[in-house]
Amino acid sequence: MSVAKIAGRYAKSLIDLAKEQGKLETVVGDINAFKEATGNKDLYMMLKSPIINTTKKRSILKEIFGGSFDEMTMAFINIVLTKGREEALPEICNEFVNQYRSMKNITSATVTSAAALTDETLGKIKSKIQTEMSQGGGEVQIETKVDPSLIGGFVIEIGDKLYDASVATRLKKLRKEFTGSVN
């Protein structure tokens, strides 16, 4: 079975159970924290390693997250470990967050700009995205990044869509037009 299918099934099970128990928001916080922690290369590699046995992985995860995560989240992680699917935990977390966002009608966007954007500008971008992309007036969550190589303007990524209004891209297009017309 593919990792995507496994991740989808486990994520859906956790969402259903968390909703049933009234702990969805708590579990979402735990899963987001776990997802962020798997950004650590050592933790990620430990989860993926076939050399480190399940008992050792369980004790490491319990030591790291045991005191801060809800009992349900820890029980879920233990089930995943017991089933031998720990290598899929990062993907399960990603799928859980995706399913949660879909369920709550949350649109995620990444805005990359040459310089930090003002709150007013971010508000306008968020409003435009909400009008254009969110069905039924859902929430929009924006992550901002700064990339000076853009020179000016910004790039917005929403799912698989990209809106590039950067000066660097405009210059590349102009350069291509000029070199194309010379030949």
N, C-alpha and C. Protein backbone atom coordinates (compact mmCIF):
# COMPACT_ATOMS: atom_id res chain seq x y z
N MET A 1 0.85 -1.18 0.00
CA MET A 1 0.00 0.00 0.00
C MET A 1 0.90 1.24 0.00
N SER A 2 0.49 2.24 -0.76
CA SER A 2 1.31 3.45 -0.87
C SER A 2 1.27 4.27 0.42
N VAL A 3 2.30 5.06 0.63
CA VAL A 3 2.39 5.90 1.81
C VAL A 3 1.25 6.92 1.83
N ALA A 4 0.85 7.41 0.65
CA ALA A 4 -0.25 8.38 0.58
C ALA A 4 -1.56 7.76 1.06
N LYS A 5 -1.82 6.53 0.66
CA LYS A 5 -3.05 5.85 1.11
C LYS A 5 -3.01 5.61 2.61
N ILE A 6 -1.88 5.15 3.09
CA ILE A 6 -1.71 4.90 4.53
C ILE A 6 -1.93 6.20 5.30
N ALA A 7 -1.28 7.26 4.84
CA ALA A 7 -1.39 8.56 5.52
C ALA A 7 -2.83 9.04 5.53
N GLY A 8 -3.51 8.90 4.43
CA GLY A 8 -4.90 9.33 4.33
C GLY A 8 -5.81 8.58 5.29
N ARG A 9 -5.62 7.28 5.37
CA ARG A 9 -6.47 6.47 6.24
C ARG A 9 -6.22 6.77 7.73
N TYR A 10 -4.96 6.83 8.11
CA TYR A 10 -4.64 7.12 9.51
C TYR A 10 -5.09 8.52 9.90
N ALA A 11 -4.87 9.49 9.00
CA ALA A 11 -5.27 10.87 9.28
C ALA A 11 -6.78 10.97 9.46
N LYS A 12 -7.53 10.33 8.59
CA LYS A 12 -8.99 10.37 8.69
C LYS A 12 -9.46 9.72 9.99
N SER A 13 -8.85 8.61 10.36
CA SER A 13 -9.21 7.93 11.60
C SER A 13 -8.98 8.85 12.81
N LEU A 14 -7.84 9.53 12.82
CA LEU A 14 -7.53 10.42 13.94
C LEU A 14 -8.49 11.61 13.98
N ILE A 15 -8.81 12.17 12.83
CA ILE A 15 -9.77 13.28 12.79
C ILE A 15 -11.12 12.84 13.32
N ASP A 16 -11.60 11.69 12.83
CA ASP A 16 -12.90 11.18 13.28
C ASP A 16 -12.93 10.93 14.78
N LEU A 17 -11.89 10.32 15.30
CA LEU A 17 -11.83 10.03 16.73
C LEU A 17 -11.74 11.31 17.56
N ALA A 18 -10.92 12.25 17.11
CA ALA A 18 -10.76 13.51 17.83
C ALA A 18 -12.08 14.31 17.84
N LYS A 19 -12.79 14.30 16.72
CA LYS A 19 -14.09 14.98 16.67
C LYS A 19 -15.07 14.31 17.63
N GLU A 20 -15.09 12.99 17.60
CA GLU A 20 -15.99 12.21 18.46
C GLU A 20 -15.73 12.49 19.94
N GLN A 21 -14.45 12.63 20.30
CA GLN A 21 -14.06 12.85 21.69
C GLN A 21 -14.06 14.34 22.08
N GLY A 22 -14.32 15.22 21.11
CA GLY A 22 -14.33 16.65 21.39
C GLY A 22 -12.95 17.22 21.63
N LYS A 23 -11.93 16.61 21.04
CA LYS A 23 -10.55 17.05 21.25
C LYS A 23 -9.86 17.46 19.95
N LEU A 24 -10.65 17.80 18.95
CA LEU A 24 -10.07 18.07 17.63
C LEU A 24 -9.05 19.20 17.67
N GLU A 25 -9.38 20.31 18.29
CA GLU A 25 -8.45 21.45 18.29
C GLU A 25 -7.18 21.13 19.08
N THR A 26 -7.31 20.36 20.16
CA THR A 26 -6.13 19.95 20.94
C THR A 26 -5.22 19.06 20.10
N VAL A 27 -5.83 18.10 19.42
CA VAL A 27 -5.05 17.16 18.59
C VAL A 27 -4.42 17.91 17.42
N VAL A 28 -5.13 18.86 16.84
CA VAL A 28 -4.56 19.65 15.75
C VAL A 28 -3.30 20.37 16.23
N GLY A 29 -3.35 20.94 17.42
CA GLY A 29 -2.17 21.61 17.97
C GLY A 29 -1.01 20.64 18.16
N ASP A 30 -1.33 19.45 18.68
CA ASP A 30 -0.29 18.43 18.87
C ASP A 30 0.32 18.00 17.54
N ILE A 31 -0.53 17.75 16.56
CA ILE A 31 -0.05 17.29 15.25
C ILE A 31 0.78 18.37 14.58
N ASN A 32 0.36 19.63 14.69
CA ASN A 32 1.17 20.71 14.13
C ASN A 32 2.53 20.79 14.81
N ALA A 33 2.57 20.60 16.12
CA ALA A 33 3.85 20.60 16.85
C ALA A 33 4.72 19.42 16.41
N PHE A 34 4.10 18.25 16.25
CA PHE A 34 4.84 17.07 15.80
C PHE A 34 5.37 17.29 14.39
N LYS A 35 4.52 17.85 13.54
CA LYS A 35 4.91 18.13 12.15
C LYS A 35 6.11 19.07 12.12
N GLU A 36 6.07 20.11 12.96
CA GLU A 36 7.18 21.05 13.03
C GLU A 36 8.44 20.36 13.55
N ALA A 37 8.27 19.48 14.53
CA ALA A 37 9.42 18.77 15.10
C ALA A 37 10.07 17.85 14.08
N THR A 38 9.27 17.27 13.18
CA THR A 38 9.86 16.38 12.17
C THR A 38 10.66 17.16 11.13
N GLY A 39 10.62 18.49 11.22
CA GLY A 39 11.51 19.30 10.41
C GLY A 39 12.96 19.16 10.87
N ASN A 40 13.13 18.66 12.09
CA ASN A 40 14.46 18.36 12.61
C ASN A 40 14.96 17.10 11.90
N LYS A 41 16.09 17.22 11.24
CA LYS A 41 16.61 16.12 10.42
C LYS A 41 16.83 14.85 11.24
N ASP A 42 17.35 14.98 12.46
CA ASP A 42 17.64 13.79 13.27
C ASP A 42 16.37 13.04 13.64
N LEU A 43 15.34 13.77 14.05
CA LEU A 43 14.07 13.13 14.40
C LEU A 43 13.45 12.48 13.16
N TYR A 44 13.47 13.18 12.06
CA TYR A 44 12.93 12.66 10.81
C TYR A 44 13.64 11.37 10.40
N MET A 45 14.97 11.39 10.45
CA MET A 45 15.74 10.22 10.05
C MET A 45 15.53 9.05 11.03
N MET A 46 15.34 9.35 12.31
CA MET A 46 15.05 8.31 13.29
C MET A 46 13.74 7.60 12.96
N LEU A 47 12.73 8.38 12.61
CA LEU A 47 11.43 7.78 12.26
C LEU A 47 11.53 6.91 11.01
N LYS A 48 12.33 7.32 10.06
CA LYS A 48 12.46 6.61 8.79
C LYS A 48 13.43 5.42 8.86
N SER A 49 14.26 5.37 9.89
CA SER A 49 15.31 4.36 9.97
C SER A 49 14.77 2.95 10.25
N PRO A 50 15.12 2.00 9.41
CA PRO A 50 14.73 0.61 9.68
C PRO A 50 15.67 -0.04 10.71
N ILE A 51 16.79 0.59 11.01
CA ILE A 51 17.77 0.04 11.93
C ILE A 51 17.34 0.22 13.38
N ILE A 52 16.72 1.37 13.68
CA ILE A 52 16.27 1.64 15.05
C ILE A 52 14.96 0.91 15.28
N ASN A 53 14.92 0.08 16.33
CA ASN A 53 13.71 -0.72 16.56
C ASN A 53 12.56 0.12 17.11
N THR A 54 11.36 -0.44 17.01
CA THR A 54 10.14 0.26 17.39
C THR A 54 10.13 0.64 18.87
N THR A 55 10.65 -0.23 19.73
CA THR A 55 10.67 0.05 21.16
C THR A 55 11.51 1.29 21.45
N LYS A 56 12.64 1.40 20.80
CA LYS A 56 13.53 2.56 20.98
C LYS A 56 12.84 3.83 20.46
N LYS A 57 12.20 3.73 19.30
CA LYS A 57 11.49 4.88 18.73
C LYS A 57 10.37 5.32 19.68
N ARG A 58 9.64 4.36 20.23
CA ARG A 58 8.55 4.67 21.15
C ARG A 58 9.07 5.42 22.37
N SER A 59 10.17 4.95 22.92
CA SER A 59 10.71 5.61 24.13
C SER A 59 11.24 7.01 23.80
N ILE A 60 11.83 7.18 22.64
CA ILE A 60 12.32 8.50 22.23
C ILE A 60 11.15 9.47 22.07
N LEU A 61 10.10 9.05 21.37
CA LEU A 61 8.94 9.91 21.16
C LEU A 61 8.21 10.21 22.46
N LYS A 62 8.15 9.22 23.36
CA LYS A 62 7.51 9.44 24.65
C LYS A 62 8.31 10.46 25.46
N GLU A 63 9.61 10.36 25.40
CA GLU A 63 10.48 11.30 26.13
C GLU A 63 10.33 12.73 25.60
N ILE A 64 10.24 12.86 24.28
CA ILE A 64 10.14 14.18 23.67
C ILE A 64 8.75 14.80 23.85
N PHE A 65 7.70 14.01 23.56
CA PHE A 65 6.35 14.56 23.48
C PHE A 65 5.40 14.15 24.60
N GLY A 66 5.78 13.15 25.39
CA GLY A 66 4.89 12.58 26.39
C GLY A 66 4.26 13.57 27.35
N GLY A 67 5.00 14.52 27.83
CA GLY A 67 4.47 15.47 28.80
C GLY A 67 3.66 16.60 28.20
N SER A 68 3.83 16.85 26.92
CA SER A 68 3.17 18.02 26.33
C SER A 68 1.99 17.68 25.43
N PHE A 69 1.92 16.45 24.93
CA PHE A 69 0.83 16.06 24.04
C PHE A 69 -0.33 15.46 24.81
N ASP A 70 -1.52 15.60 24.27
CA ASP A 70 -2.72 15.00 24.82
C ASP A 70 -2.60 13.48 24.79
N GLU A 71 -3.27 12.81 25.71
CA GLU A 71 -3.23 11.33 25.78
C GLU A 71 -3.67 10.71 24.46
N MET A 72 -4.68 11.29 23.82
CA MET A 72 -5.18 10.74 22.56
C MET A 72 -4.11 10.78 21.48
N THR A 73 -3.40 11.88 21.39
CA THR A 73 -2.35 12.02 20.39
C THR A 73 -1.24 11.00 20.64
N MET A 74 -0.84 10.84 21.90
CA MET A 74 0.21 9.87 22.23
C MET A 74 -0.27 8.45 21.96
N ALA A 75 -1.54 8.15 22.26
CA ALA A 75 -2.10 6.82 21.98
C ALA A 75 -2.09 6.56 20.48
N PHE A 76 -2.42 7.58 19.70
CA PHE A 76 -2.40 7.43 18.25
C PHE A 76 -0.99 7.14 17.74
N ILE A 77 -0.03 7.90 18.24
CA ILE A 77 1.37 7.67 17.84
C ILE A 77 1.79 6.25 18.20
N ASN A 78 1.39 5.78 19.38
CA ASN A 78 1.71 4.40 19.79
C ASN A 78 1.07 3.37 18.88
N ILE A 79 -0.15 3.62 18.44
CA ILE A 79 -0.81 2.70 17.50
C ILE A 79 -0.04 2.64 16.19
N VAL A 80 0.34 3.79 15.69
CA VAL A 80 1.11 3.84 14.45
C VAL A 80 2.41 3.07 14.61
N LEU A 81 3.08 3.23 15.75
CA LEU A 81 4.32 2.49 16.02
C LEU A 81 4.06 0.99 16.12
N THR A 82 3.01 0.61 16.81
CA THR A 82 2.67 -0.81 16.97
C THR A 82 2.41 -1.47 15.62
N LYS A 83 1.78 -0.73 14.72
CA LYS A 83 1.48 -1.26 13.37
C LYS A 83 2.69 -1.21 12.44
N GLY A 84 3.82 -0.69 12.93
CA GLY A 84 5.03 -0.64 12.11
C GLY A 84 4.98 0.41 11.01
N ARG A 85 4.21 1.46 11.21
CA ARG A 85 4.05 2.50 10.19
C ARG A 85 4.72 3.82 10.58
N GLU A 86 5.67 3.76 11.52
CA GLU A 86 6.30 4.99 12.00
C GLU A 86 7.00 5.78 10.90
N GLU A 87 7.46 5.12 9.85
CA GLU A 87 8.11 5.84 8.76
C GLU A 87 7.13 6.75 8.03
N ALA A 88 5.83 6.49 8.19
CA ALA A 88 4.80 7.30 7.54
C ALA A 88 4.29 8.43 8.43
N LEU A 89 4.76 8.54 9.67
CA LEU A 89 4.25 9.57 10.58
C LEU A 89 4.34 11.00 10.03
N PRO A 90 5.44 11.40 9.41
CA PRO A 90 5.46 12.77 8.86
C PRO A 90 4.38 12.97 7.79
N GLU A 91 4.18 11.98 6.94
CA GLU A 91 3.16 12.07 5.89
C GLU A 91 1.76 12.04 6.49
N ILE A 92 1.57 11.24 7.55
CA ILE A 92 0.27 11.18 8.24
C ILE A 92 -0.05 12.56 8.82
N CYS A 93 0.95 13.20 9.42
CA CYS A 93 0.74 14.55 9.99
C CYS A 93 0.37 15.54 8.90
N ASN A 94 1.07 15.50 7.77
CA ASN A 94 0.76 16.41 6.67
C ASN A 94 -0.67 16.18 6.17
N GLU A 95 -1.04 14.93 6.00
CA GLU A 95 -2.38 14.61 5.51
C GLU A 95 -3.44 15.00 6.54
N PHE A 96 -3.15 14.81 7.82
CA PHE A 96 -4.08 15.22 8.87
C PHE A 96 -4.36 16.72 8.77
N VAL A 97 -3.30 17.51 8.64
CA VAL A 97 -3.45 18.97 8.54
C VAL A 97 -4.24 19.33 7.28
N ASN A 98 -3.95 18.65 6.17
CA ASN A 98 -4.68 18.92 4.93
C ASN A 98 -6.17 18.60 5.07
N GLN A 99 -6.49 17.46 5.68
CA GLN A 99 -7.89 17.09 5.87
C GLN A 99 -8.59 18.04 6.84
N TYR A 100 -7.89 18.45 7.86
CA TYR A 100 -8.45 19.40 8.82
C TYR A 100 -8.78 20.73 8.13
N ARG A 101 -7.83 21.22 7.35
CA ARG A 101 -8.04 22.49 6.63
C ARG A 101 -9.20 22.38 5.65
N SER A 102 -9.28 21.26 4.97
CA SER A 102 -10.39 21.05 4.04
C SER A 102 -11.72 21.03 4.79
N MET A 103 -11.76 20.32 5.91
CA MET A 103 -12.97 20.21 6.71
C MET A 103 -13.42 21.57 7.23
N LYS A 104 -12.46 22.41 7.64
CA LYS A 104 -12.76 23.72 8.21
C LYS A 104 -12.79 24.83 7.15
N ASN A 105 -12.61 24.45 5.87
CA ASN A 105 -12.60 25.40 4.76
C ASN A 105 -11.54 26.48 4.96
N ILE A 106 -10.32 26.05 5.24
CA ILE A 106 -9.20 26.96 5.45
C ILE A 106 -8.30 26.91 4.21
N THR A 107 -8.05 28.07 3.63
CA THR A 107 -7.16 28.17 2.49
C THR A 107 -5.80 28.65 3.00
N SER A 108 -4.75 27.94 2.61
CA SER A 108 -3.40 28.33 3.01
C SER A 108 -2.68 28.97 1.83
N ALA A 109 -1.99 30.04 2.11
CA ALA A 109 -1.24 30.74 1.07
C ALA A 109 0.13 31.12 1.60
N THR A 110 1.10 31.12 0.71
CA THR A 110 2.44 31.58 1.06
C THR A 110 2.73 32.81 0.20
N VAL A 111 3.07 33.90 0.86
CA VAL A 111 3.39 35.14 0.16
C VAL A 111 4.88 35.40 0.37
N THR A 112 5.62 35.42 -0.73
CA THR A 112 7.04 35.70 -0.69
C THR A 112 7.25 37.07 -1.32
N SER A 113 7.92 37.94 -0.59
CA SER A 113 8.16 39.29 -1.09
C SER A 113 9.63 39.66 -0.94
N ALA A 114 10.02 40.72 -1.65
CA ALA A 114 11.42 41.17 -1.59
C ALA A 114 11.75 41.79 -0.24
N ALA A 115 10.75 42.40 0.38
CA ALA A 115 10.92 43.02 1.71
C ALA A 115 9.69 42.66 2.53
N ALA A 116 9.80 42.81 3.84
CA ALA A 116 8.67 42.50 4.71
C ALA A 116 7.47 43.36 4.33
N LEU A 117 6.30 42.73 4.30
CA LEU A 117 5.07 43.43 3.94
C LEU A 117 4.44 44.07 5.17
N THR A 118 3.77 45.19 4.96
CA THR A 118 3.07 45.84 6.07
C THR A 118 1.79 45.06 6.38
N ASP A 119 1.26 45.29 7.56
CA ASP A 119 0.01 44.64 7.94
C ASP A 119 -1.12 45.04 7.00
N GLU A 120 -1.11 46.28 6.55
CA GLU A 120 -2.14 46.76 5.63
C GLU A 120 -2.09 45.99 4.31
N THR A 121 -0.89 45.83 3.77
CA THR A 121 -0.72 45.10 2.51
C THR A 121 -1.13 43.65 2.67
N LEU A 122 -0.71 43.02 3.78
CA LEU A 122 -1.11 41.63 4.04
C LEU A 122 -2.62 41.50 4.16
N GLY A 123 -3.24 42.48 4.80
CA GLY A 123 -4.69 42.47 4.92
C GLY A 123 -5.38 42.52 3.57
N LYS A 124 -4.86 43.35 2.67
CA LYS A 124 -5.43 43.45 1.32
C LYS A 124 -5.25 42.14 0.55
N ILE A 125 -4.07 41.54 0.66
CA ILE A 125 -3.81 40.27 -0.02
C ILE A 125 -4.73 39.19 0.53
N LYS A 126 -4.85 39.14 1.85
CA LYS A 126 -5.71 38.14 2.49
C LYS A 126 -7.16 38.31 2.05
N SER A 127 -7.62 39.55 1.99
CA SER A 127 -8.99 39.85 1.57
C SER A 127 -9.22 39.40 0.12
N LYS A 128 -8.25 39.67 -0.74
CA LYS A 128 -8.36 39.29 -2.16
C LYS A 128 -8.39 37.77 -2.30
N ILE A 129 -7.52 37.09 -1.56
CA ILE A 129 -7.49 35.62 -1.62
C ILE A 129 -8.81 35.07 -1.11
N GLN A 130 -9.32 35.63 -0.03
CA GLN A 130 -10.57 35.16 0.55
C GLN A 130 -11.71 35.32 -0.46
N THR A 131 -11.73 36.43 -1.16
CA THR A 131 -12.77 36.68 -2.16
C THR A 131 -12.65 35.72 -3.33
N GLU A 132 -11.42 35.51 -3.80
CA GLU A 132 -11.20 34.71 -5.00
C GLU A 132 -11.18 33.20 -4.78
N MET A 133 -10.59 32.77 -3.65
CA MET A 133 -10.28 31.35 -3.49
C MET A 133 -11.17 30.59 -2.52
N SER A 134 -11.62 31.20 -1.46
CA SER A 134 -12.34 30.48 -0.42
C SER A 134 -13.79 30.30 -0.80
N GLN A 135 -14.23 29.05 -0.78
CA GLN A 135 -15.63 28.78 -1.04
C GLN A 135 -16.40 28.99 0.26
N GLY A 136 -17.49 29.69 0.17
CA GLY A 136 -18.33 29.86 1.35
C GLY A 136 -17.73 30.72 2.44
N GLY A 137 -16.82 31.62 2.10
CA GLY A 137 -16.28 32.54 3.09
C GLY A 137 -15.39 31.88 4.12
N GLY A 138 -14.60 30.90 3.72
CA GLY A 138 -13.70 30.23 4.65
C GLY A 138 -12.57 31.13 5.10
N GLU A 139 -11.77 30.60 5.99
CA GLU A 139 -10.64 31.34 6.56
C GLU A 139 -9.43 31.22 5.64
N VAL A 140 -8.59 32.25 5.67
CA VAL A 140 -7.35 32.24 4.91
C VAL A 140 -6.19 32.38 5.88
N GLN A 141 -5.23 31.45 5.80
CA GLN A 141 -4.02 31.53 6.61
C GLN A 141 -2.86 31.85 5.69
N ILE A 142 -2.12 32.90 6.03
CA ILE A 142 -1.02 33.34 5.18
C ILE A 142 0.30 33.16 5.91
N GLU A 143 1.23 32.53 5.23
CA GLU A 143 2.61 32.42 5.70
C GLU A 143 3.42 33.38 4.86
N THR A 144 4.26 34.18 5.49
CA THR A 144 5.06 35.15 4.75
C THR A 144 6.53 34.75 4.76
N LYS A 145 7.18 35.04 3.65
CA LYS A 145 8.61 34.80 3.51
C LYS A 145 9.21 36.03 2.84
N VAL A 146 10.48 36.28 3.13
CA VAL A 146 11.19 37.39 2.49
C VAL A 146 12.32 36.81 1.66
N ASP A 147 12.36 37.20 0.37
CA ASP A 147 13.40 36.76 -0.55
C ASP A 147 13.89 37.98 -1.34
N PRO A 148 15.01 38.58 -0.91
CA PRO A 148 15.50 39.79 -1.58
C PRO A 148 15.81 39.60 -3.06
N SER A 149 16.02 38.36 -3.50
CA SER A 149 16.35 38.12 -4.91
C SER A 149 15.17 38.45 -5.83
N LEU A 150 13.97 38.64 -5.27
CA LEU A 150 12.82 39.02 -6.09
C LEU A 150 12.91 40.47 -6.57
N ILE A 151 13.79 41.23 -5.96
CA ILE A 151 14.05 42.65 -6.23
C ILE A 151 12.88 43.53 -5.78
N GLY A 152 11.69 43.18 -6.14
CA GLY A 152 10.49 43.93 -5.76
C GLY A 152 9.28 43.08 -6.09
N GLY A 153 8.11 43.49 -5.64
CA GLY A 153 6.90 42.73 -5.90
C GLY A 153 6.76 41.55 -4.96
N PHE A 154 5.98 40.56 -5.40
CA PHE A 154 5.74 39.40 -4.55
C PHE A 154 5.31 38.19 -5.38
N VAL A 155 5.33 37.03 -4.73
CA VAL A 155 4.88 35.77 -5.32
C VAL A 155 3.91 35.15 -4.33
N ILE A 156 2.73 34.76 -4.83
CA ILE A 156 1.73 34.13 -3.97
C ILE A 156 1.54 32.69 -4.43
N GLU A 157 1.64 31.75 -3.50
CA GLU A 157 1.39 30.33 -3.78
C GLU A 157 0.17 29.89 -2.99
N ILE A 158 -0.81 29.36 -3.70
CA ILE A 158 -2.01 28.82 -3.06
C ILE A 158 -2.22 27.44 -3.65
N GLY A 159 -1.91 26.42 -2.86
CA GLY A 159 -2.00 25.05 -3.37
C GLY A 159 -1.05 24.89 -4.55
N ASP A 160 -1.60 24.49 -5.69
CA ASP A 160 -0.77 24.30 -6.88
C ASP A 160 -0.80 25.51 -7.81
N LYS A 161 -1.39 26.62 -7.34
CA LYS A 161 -1.46 27.84 -8.14
C LYS A 161 -0.38 28.82 -7.70
N LEU A 162 0.16 29.53 -8.68
CA LEU A 162 1.24 30.48 -8.43
C LEU A 162 0.93 31.78 -9.15
N TYR A 163 0.98 32.89 -8.41
CA TYR A 163 0.83 34.21 -9.00
C TYR A 163 2.14 34.94 -8.75
N ASP A 164 2.87 35.20 -9.83
CA ASP A 164 4.20 35.80 -9.71
C ASP A 164 4.16 37.24 -10.23
N ALA A 165 4.23 38.19 -9.31
CA ALA A 165 4.26 39.61 -9.65
C ALA A 165 5.57 40.22 -9.18
N SER A 166 6.64 39.46 -9.33
CA SER A 166 7.94 39.94 -8.87
C SER A 166 8.69 40.67 -9.98
N VAL A 167 9.51 41.60 -9.58
CA VAL A 167 10.32 42.35 -10.54
C VAL A 167 11.32 41.42 -11.22
N ALA A 168 11.87 40.47 -10.48
CA ALA A 168 12.85 39.54 -11.05
C ALA A 168 12.24 38.77 -12.22
N THR A 169 11.02 38.31 -12.09
CA THR A 169 10.36 37.56 -13.17
C THR A 169 10.08 38.47 -14.36
N ARG A 170 9.65 39.70 -14.08
CA ARG A 170 9.41 40.65 -15.18
C ARG A 170 10.69 40.93 -15.95
N LEU A 171 11.80 41.07 -15.23
CA LEU A 171 13.09 41.31 -15.89
C LEU A 171 13.50 40.10 -16.74
N LYS A 172 13.27 38.90 -16.23
CA LYS A 172 13.58 37.69 -17.01
C LYS A 172 12.76 37.65 -18.29
N LYS A 173 11.48 38.00 -18.21
CA LYS A 173 10.62 38.01 -19.40
C LYS A 173 11.10 39.04 -20.41
N LEU A 174 11.46 40.23 -19.92
CA LEU A 174 11.97 41.26 -20.82
C LEU A 174 13.27 40.81 -21.48
N ARG A 175 14.17 40.21 -20.68
CA ARG A 175 15.45 39.73 -21.21
C ARG A 175 15.20 38.70 -22.30
N LYS A 176 14.24 37.81 -22.07
CA LYS A 176 13.91 36.77 -23.04
C LYS A 176 13.34 37.38 -24.32
N GLU A 177 12.48 38.39 -24.18
CA GLU A 177 11.91 39.06 -25.34
C GLU A 177 12.99 39.74 -26.17
N PHE A 178 13.91 40.44 -25.48
CA PHE A 178 14.96 41.15 -26.20
C PHE A 178 15.93 40.20 -26.88
N THR A 179 16.32 39.13 -26.21
CA THR A 179 17.25 38.19 -26.83
C THR A 179 16.57 37.38 -27.92
N GLY A 180 15.29 37.17 -27.81
CA GLY A 180 14.53 36.44 -28.84
C GLY A 180 14.34 37.28 -30.09
N SER A 181 14.19 38.59 -29.95
CA SER A 181 13.98 39.45 -31.11
C SER A 181 15.28 39.77 -31.85
N VAL A 182 16.42 39.63 -31.18
CA VAL A 182 17.71 39.92 -31.79
C VAL A 182 18.06 38.82 -32.79
N ASN A 183 17.72 37.59 -32.49
CA ASN A 183 18.09 36.47 -33.36
C ASN A 183 17.34 36.54 -34.61
